[in-house]
């Protein structure tokens, strides 16, 4: 799963106070308190710098990420030949292009593939992202295949995004799935612009898509 909207909060303090209370860190303290009660939880870290405190927080909405497999064509053709006393049957398909009936009377070779001439688009280089259902922390049934059993019905927020926009190990800035390690390890961290390393997230693409539909 990946967060919909990682956020950065910045609060100036009177001095370096890594254990500052709510009166100093304000929104950061509230975000920290929310962690223990929010259904989805928050990924957070709070660091004390000279005259500042910085935390990152993940927006409660999270998305499942699915790879899309290669296109395959599946079908079967059953041929029956009836004589006076017998009925010969064979079944052929893409995985069984030659077949012989059990009585050896009928042998069939599949020549065509039944695929139209229209080029079918390939989505091998895309991920499908789907909102995780609210409150569904354990979405995989026991003994299942490791996949969510219920994807919900919020189809309007399903998105197809290029794989290059994701970081699988979380170590690349400005990609979906960026981790705090990447955020904290970015060059010139203290002087970096606000929200640096947290661009090009799911919510950005959703906003662009929504704006385009409203044109």
C-alpha atoms as a PDB file:
ATOM      1  CA  UNK A   1       0.000   0.000   0.000  1.00  0.00           C
ATOM      2  CA  UNK A   2       1.077   3.596  -0.588  1.00  0.00           C
ATOM      3  CA  UNK A   3      -0.206   6.816   1.021  1.00  0.00           C
ATOM      4  CA  UNK A   4      -2.416   9.142  -0.979  1.00  0.00           C
ATOM      5  CA  UNK A   5      -0.870  12.366   0.311  1.00  0.00           C
ATOM      6  CA  UNK A   6       2.372  12.456   2.336  1.00  0.00           C
ATOM      7  CA  UNK A   7       2.596  15.818   4.100  1.00  0.00           C
ATOM      8  CA  UNK A   8       5.294  17.885   5.718  1.00  0.00           C
ATOM      9  CA  UNK A   9       4.722  20.109   8.734  1.00  0.00           C
ATOM     10  CA  UNK A  10       7.197  22.729   9.871  1.00  0.00           C
ATOM     11  CA  UNK A  11       7.003  24.611  13.173  1.00  0.00           C
ATOM     12  CA  UNK A  12       9.521  27.187  14.384  1.00  0.00           C
ATOM     13  CA  UNK A  13      10.579  26.867  18.012  1.00  0.00           C
ATOM     14  CA  UNK A  14      12.492  29.086  20.375  1.00  0.00           C
ATOM     15  CA  UNK A  15      15.452  26.718  20.402  1.00  0.00           C
ATOM     16  CA  UNK A  16      16.305  23.117  19.583  1.00  0.00           C
ATOM     17  CA  UNK A  17      13.633  21.241  21.530  1.00  0.00           C
ATOM     18  CA  UNK A  18      13.211  17.659  20.294  1.00  0.00           C
ATOM     19  CA  UNK A  19      10.904  16.919  23.244  1.00  0.00           C
ATOM     20  CA  UNK A  20       8.882  20.132  22.993  1.00  0.00           C
ATOM     21  CA  UNK A  21       5.252  19.965  24.100  1.00  0.00           C
ATOM     22  CA  UNK A  22       2.006  20.858  22.387  1.00  0.00           C
ATOM     23  CA  UNK A  23       2.365  24.549  23.217  1.00  0.00           C
ATOM     24  CA  UNK A  24       5.461  24.678  20.998  1.00  0.00           C
ATOM     25  CA  UNK A  25       5.002  22.171  18.199  1.00  0.00           C
ATOM     26  CA  UNK A  26       1.231  22.706  17.849  1.00  0.00           C
ATOM     27  CA  UNK A  27       0.048  20.860  14.732  1.00  0.00           C
ATOM     28  CA  UNK A  28       2.938  18.406  14.906  1.00  0.00           C
ATOM     29  CA  UNK A  29       1.919  17.360  18.394  1.00  0.00           C
ATOM     30  CA  UNK A  30      -1.671  16.915  17.258  1.00  0.00           C
ATOM     31  CA  UNK A  31      -0.530  14.746  14.362  1.00  0.00           C
ATOM     32  CA  UNK A  32       1.566  12.673  16.746  1.00  0.00           C
ATOM     33  CA  UNK A  33      -1.409  12.155  19.048  1.00  0.00           C
ATOM     34  CA  UNK A  34      -3.607  11.104  16.130  1.00  0.00           C
ATOM     35  CA  UNK A  35      -1.275   8.227  15.376  1.00  0.00           C
ATOM     36  CA  UNK A  36      -2.473   6.171  18.277  1.00  0.00           C
ATOM     37  CA  UNK A  37      -6.148   6.495  17.484  1.00  0.00           C
ATOM     38  CA  UNK A  38      -6.464   6.868  13.713  1.00  0.00           C
ATOM     39  CA  UNK A  39      -7.786   3.822  11.901  1.00  0.00           C
ATOM     40  CA  UNK A  40      -5.015   3.883   9.326  1.00  0.00           C
ATOM     41  CA  UNK A  41      -2.183   5.239  11.471  1.00  0.00           C
ATOM     42  CA  UNK A  42       0.530   7.643  10.421  1.00  0.00           C
ATOM     43  CA  UNK A  43       4.128   7.243   9.369  1.00  0.00           C
ATOM     44  CA  UNK A  44       5.894   9.960  11.311  1.00  0.00           C
ATOM     45  CA  UNK A  45       9.220  11.104  12.637  1.00  0.00           C
ATOM     46  CA  UNK A  46       9.923  14.282  14.597  1.00  0.00           C
ATOM     47  CA  UNK A  47      13.388  15.822  14.644  1.00  0.00           C
ATOM     48  CA  UNK A  48      14.677  18.741  16.662  1.00  0.00           C
ATOM     49  CA  UNK A  49      16.722  21.283  14.731  1.00  0.00           C
ATOM     50  CA  UNK A  50      17.980  24.644  15.796  1.00  0.00           C
ATOM     51  CA  UNK A  51      14.859  26.815  15.770  1.00  0.00           C
ATOM     52  CA  UNK A  52      12.686  24.255  13.980  1.00  0.00           C
ATOM     53  CA  UNK A  53      10.793  20.988  14.235  1.00  0.00           C
ATOM     54  CA  UNK A  54       9.883  18.994  11.115  1.00  0.00           C
ATOM     55  CA  UNK A  55       7.588  15.995  10.814  1.00  0.00           C
ATOM     56  CA  UNK A  56       6.098  14.070   7.919  1.00  0.00           C
ATOM     57  CA  UNK A  57       2.666  12.524   8.058  1.00  0.00           C
ATOM     58  CA  UNK A  58       0.789  10.246   5.666  1.00  0.00           C
ATOM     59  CA  UNK A  59      -2.732  11.216   4.693  1.00  0.00           C
ATOM     60  CA  UNK A  60      -5.115   8.571   6.130  1.00  0.00           C
ATOM     61  CA  UNK A  61      -6.305   7.384   2.705  1.00  0.00           C
ATOM     62  CA  UNK A  62      -4.064   4.658   1.302  1.00  0.00           C
ATOM     63  CA  UNK A  63      -4.082   2.832  -2.025  1.00  0.00           C
ATOM     64  CA  UNK A  64      -3.429  -0.749  -3.091  1.00  0.00           C
ATOM     65  CA  UNK A  65      -0.960  -1.032  -5.993  1.00  0.00           C
ATOM     66  CA  UNK A  66      -1.313  -3.787  -8.604  1.00  0.00           C
ATOM     67  CA  UNK A  67       0.889  -4.730 -11.530  1.00  0.00           C
ATOM     68  CA  UNK A  68      -0.909  -5.564 -14.787  1.00  0.00           C
ATOM     69  CA  UNK A  69       0.022  -8.806 -16.479  1.00  0.00           C
ATOM     70  CA  UNK A  70       0.581  -9.461 -20.137  1.00  0.00           C
ATOM     71  CA  UNK A  71      -2.368  -9.865 -22.467  1.00  0.00           C
ATOM     72  CA  UNK A  72      -3.484 -13.433 -23.064  1.00  0.00           C
ATOM     73  CA  UNK A  73      -6.231 -14.939 -25.202  1.00  0.00           C
ATOM     74  CA  UNK A  74      -8.257 -17.838 -23.900  1.00  0.00           C
ATOM     75  CA  UNK A  75     -10.898 -19.854 -25.726  1.00  0.00           C
ATOM     76  CA  UNK A  76     -11.793 -23.402 -26.635  1.00  0.00           C
ATOM     77  CA  UNK A  77     -13.472 -24.928 -29.683  1.00  0.00           C
ATOM     78  CA  UNK A  78     -15.309 -28.235 -29.445  1.00  0.00           C
ATOM     79  CA  UNK A  79     -15.795 -30.234 -32.631  1.00  0.00           C
ATOM     80  CA  UNK A  80     -18.242 -33.134 -32.813  1.00  0.00           C
ATOM     81  CA  UNK A  81     -18.575 -35.590 -35.713  1.00  0.00           C
ATOM     82  CA  UNK A  82     -21.421 -38.041 -35.535  1.00  0.00           C
ATOM     83  CA  UNK A  83     -21.583 -41.186 -37.617  1.00  0.00           C
ATOM     84  CA  UNK A  84     -24.236 -43.884 -37.591  1.00  0.00           C
ATOM     85  CA  UNK A  85     -22.875 -45.562 -34.497  1.00  0.00           C
ATOM     86  CA  UNK A  86     -20.336 -43.220 -32.889  1.00  0.00           C
ATOM     87  CA  UNK A  87     -19.828 -39.650 -31.784  1.00  0.00           C
ATOM     88  CA  UNK A  88     -16.267 -38.336 -32.025  1.00  0.00           C
ATOM     89  CA  UNK A  89     -15.382 -35.234 -29.982  1.00  0.00           C
ATOM     90  CA  UNK A  90     -12.229 -33.125 -29.777  1.00  0.00           C
ATOM     91  CA  UNK A  91     -11.525 -29.830 -28.048  1.00  0.00           C
ATOM     92  CA  UNK A  92      -8.812 -27.440 -29.243  1.00  0.00           C
ATOM     93  CA  UNK A  93      -7.585 -24.056 -28.031  1.00  0.00           C
ATOM     94  CA  UNK A  94      -4.456 -21.860 -27.769  1.00  0.00           C
ATOM     95  CA  UNK A  95      -2.779 -24.322 -25.408  1.00  0.00           C
ATOM     96  CA  UNK A  96      -3.939 -27.424 -27.280  1.00  0.00           C
ATOM     97  CA  UNK A  97      -3.800 -26.678 -30.986  1.00  0.00           C
ATOM     98  CA  UNK A  98      -3.874 -30.305 -32.165  1.00  0.00           C
ATOM     99  CA  UNK A  99      -6.202 -32.953 -30.772  1.00  0.00           C
ATOM    100  CA  UNK A 100      -7.384 -36.445 -31.622  1.00  0.00           C
ATOM    101  CA  UNK A 101     -10.651 -37.983 -30.529  1.00  0.00           C
ATOM    102  CA  UNK A 102     -10.547 -40.913 -28.143  1.00  0.00           C
ATOM    103  CA  UNK A 103     -11.639 -43.311 -30.886  1.00  0.00           C
ATOM    104  CA  UNK A 104      -8.872 -41.995 -33.214  1.00  0.00           C
ATOM    105  CA  UNK A 105     -11.476 -41.251 -35.862  1.00  0.00           C
ATOM    106  CA  UNK A 106     -11.144 -37.463 -35.733  1.00  0.00           C
ATOM    107  CA  UNK A 107      -7.991 -35.338 -35.697  1.00  0.00           C
ATOM    108  CA  UNK A 108      -8.168 -31.518 -35.623  1.00  0.00           C
ATOM    109  CA  UNK A 109      -5.524 -28.793 -36.072  1.00  0.00           C
ATOM    110  CA  UNK A 110      -6.250 -25.232 -34.918  1.00  0.00           C
ATOM    111  CA  UNK A 111      -4.997 -22.816 -37.584  1.00  0.00           C
ATOM    112  CA  UNK A 112      -6.453 -19.402 -36.675  1.00  0.00           C
ATOM    113  CA  UNK A 113      -6.000 -17.643 -33.337  1.00  0.00           C
ATOM    114  CA  UNK A 114      -9.309 -15.713 -33.359  1.00  0.00           C
ATOM    115  CA  UNK A 115      -7.528 -12.495 -32.422  1.00  0.00           C
ATOM    116  CA  UNK A 116      -8.846  -9.404 -34.200  1.00  0.00           C
ATOM    117  CA  UNK A 117      -6.660  -7.106 -36.243  1.00  0.00           C
ATOM    118  CA  UNK A 118      -7.191  -4.171 -33.880  1.00  0.00           C
ATOM    119  CA  UNK A 119      -4.123  -3.577 -31.738  1.00  0.00           C
ATOM    120  CA  UNK A 120      -4.945  -4.134 -28.075  1.00  0.00           C
ATOM    121  CA  UNK A 121      -3.095  -1.673 -25.800  1.00  0.00           C
ATOM    122  CA  UNK A 122      -0.511  -3.089 -23.426  1.00  0.00           C
ATOM    123  CA  UNK A 123      -0.424  -1.966 -19.804  1.00  0.00           C
ATOM    124  CA  UNK A 124       2.717  -3.836 -18.759  1.00  0.00           C
ATOM    125  CA  UNK A 125       4.412  -0.551 -17.871  1.00  0.00           C
ATOM    126  CA  UNK A 126       1.606   0.670 -15.639  1.00  0.00           C
ATOM    127  CA  UNK A 127       0.381   0.087 -12.103  1.00  0.00           C
ATOM    128  CA  UNK A 128      -3.297   0.089 -11.184  1.00  0.00           C
ATOM    129  CA  UNK A 129      -3.921   1.912  -7.888  1.00  0.00           C
ATOM    130  CA  UNK A 130      -7.157   1.383  -5.970  1.00  0.00           C
ATOM    131  CA  UNK A 131      -8.296   3.104  -2.747  1.00  0.00           C
ATOM    132  CA  UNK A 132      -8.135   0.828   0.252  1.00  0.00           C
ATOM    133  CA  UNK A 133     -11.510   0.520   1.901  1.00  0.00           C
ATOM    134  CA  UNK A 134     -11.962   2.613   5.014  1.00  0.00           C
ATOM    135  CA  UNK A 135     -11.248   0.656   8.153  1.00  0.00           C
ATOM    136  CA  UNK A 136      -9.981  -2.406   6.266  1.00  0.00           C
ATOM    137  CA  UNK A 137      -6.568  -2.930   7.843  1.00  0.00           C
ATOM    138  CA  UNK A 138      -6.625  -6.710   7.320  1.00  0.00           C
ATOM    139  CA  UNK A 139      -7.803  -6.997   3.741  1.00  0.00           C
ATOM    140  CA  UNK A 140      -6.415 -10.445   2.957  1.00  0.00           C
ATOM    141  CA  UNK A 141      -8.389 -13.494   4.019  1.00  0.00           C
ATOM    142  CA  UNK A 142      -6.581 -16.152   6.015  1.00  0.00           C
ATOM    143  CA  UNK A 143      -5.133 -18.777   3.718  1.00  0.00           C
ATOM    144  CA  UNK A 144      -5.765 -16.564   0.711  1.00  0.00           C
ATOM    145  CA  UNK A 145      -3.526 -15.677  -2.177  1.00  0.00           C
ATOM    146  CA  UNK A 146      -2.129 -12.506  -0.604  1.00  0.00           C
ATOM    147  CA  UNK A 147      -4.533 -10.296  -2.561  1.00  0.00           C
ATOM    148  CA  UNK A 148      -7.354  -8.116  -1.158  1.00  0.00           C
ATOM    149  CA  UNK A 149     -10.666  -9.923  -1.330  1.00  0.00           C
ATOM    150  CA  UNK A 150     -12.827  -6.820  -1.681  1.00  0.00           C
ATOM    151  CA  UNK A 151     -11.721  -3.837  -3.759  1.00  0.00           C
ATOM    152  CA  UNK A 152     -14.783  -1.747  -2.965  1.00  0.00           C
ATOM    153  CA  UNK A 153     -16.808   0.257  -5.457  1.00  0.00           C
ATOM    154  CA  UNK A 154     -15.048   3.633  -5.510  1.00  0.00           C
ATOM    155  CA  UNK A 155     -14.190   3.179  -9.184  1.00  0.00           C
ATOM    156  CA  UNK A 156     -13.914   6.918  -9.819  1.00  0.00           C
ATOM    157  CA  UNK A 157     -10.602   6.991  -7.901  1.00  0.00           C
ATOM    158  CA  UNK A 158      -8.980   4.029  -9.635  1.00  0.00           C
ATOM    159  CA  UNK A 159      -5.928   5.234 -11.557  1.00  0.00           C
ATOM    160  CA  UNK A 160      -3.487   3.810 -14.101  1.00  0.00           C
ATOM    161  CA  UNK A 161      -0.036   5.329 -13.591  1.00  0.00           C
ATOM    162  CA  UNK A 162       3.313   4.621 -15.220  1.00  0.00           C
ATOM    163  CA  UNK A 163       5.608   2.374 -13.186  1.00  0.00           C
ATOM    164  CA  UNK A 164       8.414   4.932 -13.403  1.00  0.00           C
ATOM    165  CA  UNK A 165       6.370   7.209 -11.126  1.00  0.00           C
ATOM    166  CA  UNK A 166       6.745   4.731  -8.222  1.00  0.00           C
ATOM    167  CA  UNK A 167       9.648   3.919  -5.936  1.00  0.00           C
ATOM    168  CA  UNK A 168       9.537   0.288  -4.856  1.00  0.00           C
ATOM    169  CA  UNK A 169      12.129   0.642  -2.102  1.00  0.00           C
ATOM    170  CA  UNK A 170      10.968   4.088  -0.956  1.00  0.00           C
ATOM    171  CA  UNK A 171      14.388   5.641  -1.474  1.00  0.00           C
ATOM    172  CA  UNK A 172      13.597   8.002  -4.370  1.00  0.00           C
ATOM    173  CA  UNK A 173      12.250  11.488  -3.743  1.00  0.00           C
ATOM    174  CA  UNK A 174       9.238  12.858  -5.604  1.00  0.00           C
ATOM    175  CA  UNK A 175       7.870   9.419  -6.414  1.00  0.00           C
ATOM    176  CA  UNK A 176       4.847   7.529  -5.120  1.00  0.00           C
ATOM    177  CA  UNK A 177       5.830   5.417  -2.121  1.00  0.00           C
ATOM    178  CA  UNK A 178       8.658   7.697  -0.968  1.00  0.00           C
ATOM    179  CA  UNK A 179       9.778   6.892   2.583  1.00  0.00           C
ATOM    180  CA  UNK A 180      10.870   9.106   5.429  1.00  0.00           C
ATOM    181  CA  UNK A 181      14.414   7.809   4.914  1.00  0.00           C
ATOM    182  CA  UNK A 182      14.496   9.412   1.472  1.00  0.00           C
ATOM    183  CA  UNK A 183      12.867  12.599   2.780  1.00  0.00           C
ATOM    184  CA  UNK A 184      15.343  12.908   5.645  1.00  0.00           C
ATOM    185  CA  UNK A 185      18.343  11.965   3.489  1.00  0.00           C
ATOM    186  CA  UNK A 186      17.767  14.475   0.699  1.00  0.00           C
ATOM    187  CA  UNK A 187      20.699  16.837  -0.014  1.00  0.00           C
ATOM    188  CA  UNK A 188      20.678  20.164   1.835  1.00  0.00           C
ATOM    189  CA  UNK A 189      17.756  18.972   3.926  1.00  0.00           C
ATOM    190  CA  UNK A 190      17.537  21.973   6.245  1.00  0.00           C
ATOM    191  CA  UNK A 191      17.618  24.501   3.405  1.00  0.00           C
ATOM    192  CA  UNK A 192      15.392  22.506   1.026  1.00  0.00           C
ATOM    193  CA  UNK A 193      12.084  24.142   0.015  1.00  0.00           C
ATOM    194  CA  UNK A 194       8.944  23.221   1.911  1.00  0.00           C
ATOM    195  CA  UNK A 195       7.420  19.939   0.629  1.00  0.00           C
ATOM    196  CA  UNK A 196      10.646  19.072  -1.197  1.00  0.00           C
ATOM    197  CA  UNK A 197      10.868  15.331  -1.926  1.00  0.00           C
ATOM    198  CA  UNK A 198       7.084  14.949  -1.563  1.00  0.00           C
ATOM    199  CA  UNK A 199       5.926  15.992  -5.043  1.00  0.00           C
ATOM    200  CA  UNK A 200       4.343  13.783  -7.747  1.00  0.00           C
ATOM    201  CA  UNK A 201       2.189  11.865  -5.279  1.00  0.00           C
ATOM    202  CA  UNK A 202      -1.148  10.167  -5.895  1.00  0.00           C
ATOM    203  CA  UNK A 203      -3.140  13.228  -4.891  1.00  0.00           C
ATOM    204  CA  UNK A 204      -1.272  15.345  -7.470  1.00  0.00           C
ATOM    205  CA  UNK A 205      -2.235  12.990 -10.287  1.00  0.00           C
ATOM    206  CA  UNK A 206      -5.795  12.769  -9.007  1.00  0.00           C
ATOM    207  CA  UNK A 207      -6.091  16.574  -8.969  1.00  0.00           C
ATOM    208  CA  UNK A 208      -4.760  16.800 -12.544  1.00  0.00           C
ATOM    209  CA  UNK A 209      -7.156  14.100 -13.711  1.00  0.00           C
ATOM    210  CA  UNK A 210     -10.099  15.810 -12.034  1.00  0.00           C
ATOM    211  CA  UNK A 211      -9.175  19.178 -13.567  1.00  0.00           C
ATOM    212  CA  UNK A 212      -8.912  17.639 -17.050  1.00  0.00           C
ATOM    213  CA  UNK A 213     -12.342  16.047 -16.739  1.00  0.00           C
ATOM    214  CA  UNK A 214     -13.845  19.395 -15.766  1.00  0.00           C
ATOM    215  CA  UNK A 215     -12.499  21.234 -18.823  1.00  0.00           C
END
